[in-house]
Amino acid sequence: MKEEIEQTLLLHLGRVEGKLDAILAHHDRMTDRLDDHGKRLNKLEMYRAWQLGASAIIATVVTWFIGFFKGGH
């Protein structure tokens, strides 16, 4: 009887351990995906910042040319 209970407990413990290993592996994969998403988002944000900066420069140059050709300077 005691051996049967020990075997059952060890079996259940093994199942819990296996499930825990699966959860930890899944957690590692999700952590890697989140890191990848963070890198991709950072690239998009940097690209957007360059676009806004380039747009500001172009707007400044166009405004200056319009003022120059209208005789503002």
N, C-alpha and C. Protein backbone atom coordinates (compact mmCIF):
# COMPACT_ATOMS: atom_id res chain seq x y z
N MET A 1 0.82 -1.19 0.00
CA MET A 1 0.00 0.00 0.00
C MET A 1 0.86 1.26 0.00
N LYS A 2 1.87 1.29 0.88
CA LYS A 2 2.74 2.47 0.98
C LYS A 2 3.52 2.66 -0.32
N GLU A 3 4.00 1.58 -0.91
CA GLU A 3 4.74 1.67 -2.17
C GLU A 3 3.85 2.16 -3.30
N GLU A 4 2.60 1.74 -3.28
CA GLU A 4 1.65 2.17 -4.31
C GLU A 4 1.40 3.68 -4.22
N ILE A 5 1.28 4.18 -3.00
CA ILE A 5 1.09 5.62 -2.79
C ILE A 5 2.34 6.38 -3.24
N GLU A 6 3.51 5.85 -2.90
CA GLU A 6 4.76 6.49 -3.32
C GLU A 6 4.87 6.54 -4.84
N GLN A 7 4.53 5.44 -5.49
CA GLN A 7 4.58 5.38 -6.95
C GLN A 7 3.61 6.39 -7.56
N THR A 8 2.41 6.48 -6.99
CA THR A 8 1.42 7.43 -7.49
C THR A 8 1.91 8.86 -7.30
N LEU A 9 2.47 9.15 -6.14
CA LEU A 9 2.99 10.49 -5.88
C LEU A 9 4.15 10.83 -6.83
N LEU A 10 5.03 9.87 -7.03
CA LEU A 10 6.15 10.11 -7.95
C LEU A 10 5.66 10.31 -9.37
N LEU A 11 4.63 9.57 -9.77
CA LEU A 11 4.06 9.73 -11.10
C LEU A 11 3.47 11.13 -11.26
N HIS A 12 2.70 11.56 -10.26
CA HIS A 12 2.11 12.90 -10.31
C HIS A 12 3.18 13.99 -10.27
N LEU A 13 4.20 13.78 -9.47
CA LEU A 13 5.30 14.73 -9.39
C LEU A 13 6.00 14.83 -10.74
N GLY A 14 6.20 13.71 -11.40
CA GLY A 14 6.81 13.72 -12.73
C GLY A 14 5.97 14.47 -13.75
N ARG A 15 4.66 14.29 -13.66
CA ARG A 15 3.75 15.02 -14.58
C ARG A 15 3.82 16.53 -14.33
N VAL A 16 3.82 16.91 -13.07
CA VAL A 16 3.91 18.33 -12.73
C VAL A 16 5.24 18.90 -13.22
N GLU A 17 6.29 18.15 -13.02
CA GLU A 17 7.61 18.60 -13.46
C GLU A 17 7.65 18.77 -14.98
N GLY A 18 7.06 17.83 -15.70
CA GLY A 18 7.01 17.94 -17.16
C GLY A 18 6.21 19.15 -17.62
N LYS A 19 5.09 19.39 -16.94
CA LYS A 19 4.27 20.55 -17.30
C LYS A 19 5.02 21.85 -17.00
N LEU A 20 5.71 21.87 -15.88
CA LEU A 20 6.50 23.06 -15.53
C LEU A 20 7.59 23.32 -16.56
N ASP A 21 8.25 22.27 -17.02
CA ASP A 21 9.27 22.42 -18.06
C ASP A 21 8.65 22.99 -19.34
N ALA A 22 7.46 22.51 -19.70
CA ALA A 22 6.78 23.02 -20.89
C ALA A 22 6.42 24.49 -20.73
N ILE A 23 5.96 24.86 -19.54
CA ILE A 23 5.61 26.27 -19.28
C ILE A 23 6.85 27.15 -19.37
N LEU A 24 7.95 26.70 -18.80
CA LEU A 24 9.19 27.48 -18.85
C LEU A 24 9.70 27.63 -20.28
N ALA A 25 9.59 26.57 -21.08
CA ALA A 25 10.02 26.65 -22.48
C ALA A 25 9.15 27.63 -23.24
N HIS A 26 7.84 27.59 -22.98
CA HIS A 26 6.92 28.53 -23.64
C HIS A 26 7.23 29.96 -23.21
N HIS A 27 7.52 30.15 -21.94
CA HIS A 27 7.87 31.48 -21.43
C HIS A 27 9.13 32.01 -22.13
N ASP A 28 10.12 31.16 -22.32
CA ASP A 28 11.34 31.58 -23.01
C ASP A 28 11.05 32.01 -24.44
N ARG A 29 10.19 31.25 -25.12
CA ARG A 29 9.83 31.60 -26.50
C ARG A 29 9.10 32.95 -26.54
N MET A 30 8.19 33.17 -25.60
CA MET A 30 7.44 34.43 -25.56
C MET A 30 8.37 35.60 -25.24
N THR A 31 9.34 35.38 -24.36
CA THR A 31 10.31 36.42 -24.04
C THR A 31 11.11 36.79 -25.29
N ASP A 32 11.53 35.79 -26.05
CA ASP A 32 12.27 36.05 -27.29
C ASP A 32 11.41 36.82 -28.28
N ARG A 33 10.13 36.46 -28.39
CA ARG A 33 9.24 37.16 -29.31
C ARG A 33 9.05 38.61 -28.88
N LEU A 34 8.90 38.85 -27.57
CA LEU A 34 8.74 40.21 -27.09
C LEU A 34 10.00 41.04 -27.35
N ASP A 35 11.16 40.44 -27.17
CA ASP A 35 12.40 41.14 -27.48
C ASP A 35 12.45 41.51 -28.96
N ASP A 36 12.05 40.58 -29.81
CA ASP A 36 12.04 40.82 -31.26
C ASP A 36 11.05 41.94 -31.61
N HIS A 37 9.88 41.91 -30.97
CA HIS A 37 8.90 42.97 -31.23
C HIS A 37 9.43 44.33 -30.79
N GLY A 38 10.13 44.35 -29.67
CA GLY A 38 10.71 45.61 -29.19
C GLY A 38 11.72 46.17 -30.18
N LYS A 39 12.54 45.30 -30.74
CA LYS A 39 13.53 45.74 -31.72
C LYS A 39 12.84 46.27 -32.98
N ARG A 40 11.83 45.55 -33.43
CA ARG A 40 11.11 45.96 -34.64
C ARG A 40 10.39 47.29 -34.42
N LEU A 41 9.78 47.44 -33.24
CA LEU A 41 9.09 48.69 -32.93
C LEU A 41 10.07 49.85 -32.87
N ASN A 42 11.23 49.63 -32.30
CA ASN A 42 12.26 50.66 -32.23
C ASN A 42 12.68 51.10 -33.64
N LYS A 43 12.84 50.15 -34.56
CA LYS A 43 13.20 50.50 -35.93
C LYS A 43 12.11 51.35 -36.58
N LEU A 44 10.84 50.98 -36.36
CA LEU A 44 9.74 51.77 -36.92
C LEU A 44 9.70 53.18 -36.34
N GLU A 45 9.94 53.29 -35.05
CA GLU A 45 9.95 54.61 -34.41
C GLU A 45 11.08 55.47 -34.95
N MET A 46 12.26 54.88 -35.13
CA MET A 46 13.39 55.63 -35.67
C MET A 46 13.12 56.07 -37.11
N TYR A 47 12.53 55.18 -37.90
CA TYR A 47 12.18 55.52 -39.29
C TYR A 47 11.19 56.69 -39.30
N ARG A 48 10.22 56.64 -38.41
CA ARG A 48 9.23 57.72 -38.33
C ARG A 48 9.90 59.04 -37.92
N ALA A 49 10.83 58.99 -37.01
CA ALA A 49 11.53 60.20 -36.58
C ALA A 49 12.32 60.80 -37.75
N TRP A 50 13.00 59.93 -38.54
CA TRP A 50 13.72 60.42 -39.71
C TRP A 50 12.75 61.03 -40.72
N GLN A 51 11.60 60.43 -40.91
CA GLN A 51 10.60 60.98 -41.84
C GLN A 51 10.15 62.36 -41.39
N LEU A 52 9.86 62.51 -40.11
CA LEU A 52 9.41 63.80 -39.61
C LEU A 52 10.51 64.85 -39.73
N GLY A 53 11.73 64.46 -39.44
CA GLY A 53 12.85 65.39 -39.58
C GLY A 53 13.05 65.82 -41.02
N ALA A 54 12.99 64.86 -41.94
CA ALA A 54 13.15 65.18 -43.36
C ALA A 54 12.01 66.07 -43.84
N SER A 55 10.79 65.79 -43.37
CA SER A 55 9.64 66.62 -43.75
C SER A 55 9.80 68.05 -43.26
N ALA A 56 10.32 68.22 -42.06
CA ALA A 56 10.53 69.56 -41.51
C ALA A 56 11.58 70.32 -42.33
N ILE A 57 12.64 69.63 -42.71
CA ILE A 57 13.69 70.28 -43.52
C ILE A 57 13.14 70.67 -44.88
N ILE A 58 12.40 69.76 -45.50
CA ILE A 58 11.82 70.06 -46.82
C ILE A 58 10.85 71.23 -46.72
N ALA A 59 10.01 71.25 -45.70
CA ALA A 59 9.06 72.36 -45.52
C ALA A 59 9.80 73.68 -45.34
N THR A 60 10.89 73.66 -44.58
CA THR A 60 11.68 74.88 -44.35
C THR A 60 12.29 75.37 -45.65
N VAL A 61 12.87 74.46 -46.42
CA VAL A 61 13.50 74.84 -47.69
C VAL A 61 12.46 75.37 -48.68
N VAL A 62 11.33 74.70 -48.78
CA VAL A 62 10.28 75.15 -49.70
C VAL A 62 9.77 76.52 -49.28
N THR A 63 9.56 76.72 -48.00
CA THR A 63 9.10 78.03 -47.52
C THR A 63 10.14 79.11 -47.82
N TRP A 64 11.41 78.80 -47.63
CA TRP A 64 12.45 79.77 -47.91
C TRP A 64 12.47 80.11 -49.40
N PHE A 65 12.37 79.10 -50.29
CA PHE A 65 12.36 79.36 -51.71
C PHE A 65 11.17 80.19 -52.13
N ILE A 66 10.01 79.91 -51.59
CA ILE A 66 8.83 80.70 -51.92
C ILE A 66 9.02 82.14 -51.51
N GLY A 67 9.52 82.34 -50.30
CA GLY A 67 9.79 83.71 -49.84
C GLY A 67 10.86 84.40 -50.68
N PHE A 68 11.89 83.66 -51.09
CA PHE A 68 12.97 84.22 -51.88
C PHE A 68 12.48 84.67 -53.25
N PHE A 69 11.68 83.82 -53.90
CA PHE A 69 11.20 84.15 -55.25
C PHE A 69 10.09 85.19 -55.24
N LYS A 70 9.41 85.37 -54.14
CA LYS A 70 8.40 86.43 -54.05
C LYS A 70 9.04 87.77 -53.69
N GLY A 71 10.32 87.75 -53.44
CA GLY A 71 11.02 88.98 -53.14
C GLY A 71 11.07 89.31 -51.66
N GLY A 72 10.91 88.31 -50.84
CA GLY A 72 10.91 88.53 -49.40
C GLY A 72 12.31 88.78 -48.85
N HIS A 73 13.35 88.35 -49.55
CA HIS A 73 14.72 88.54 -49.05
C HIS A 73 15.51 89.42 -49.96
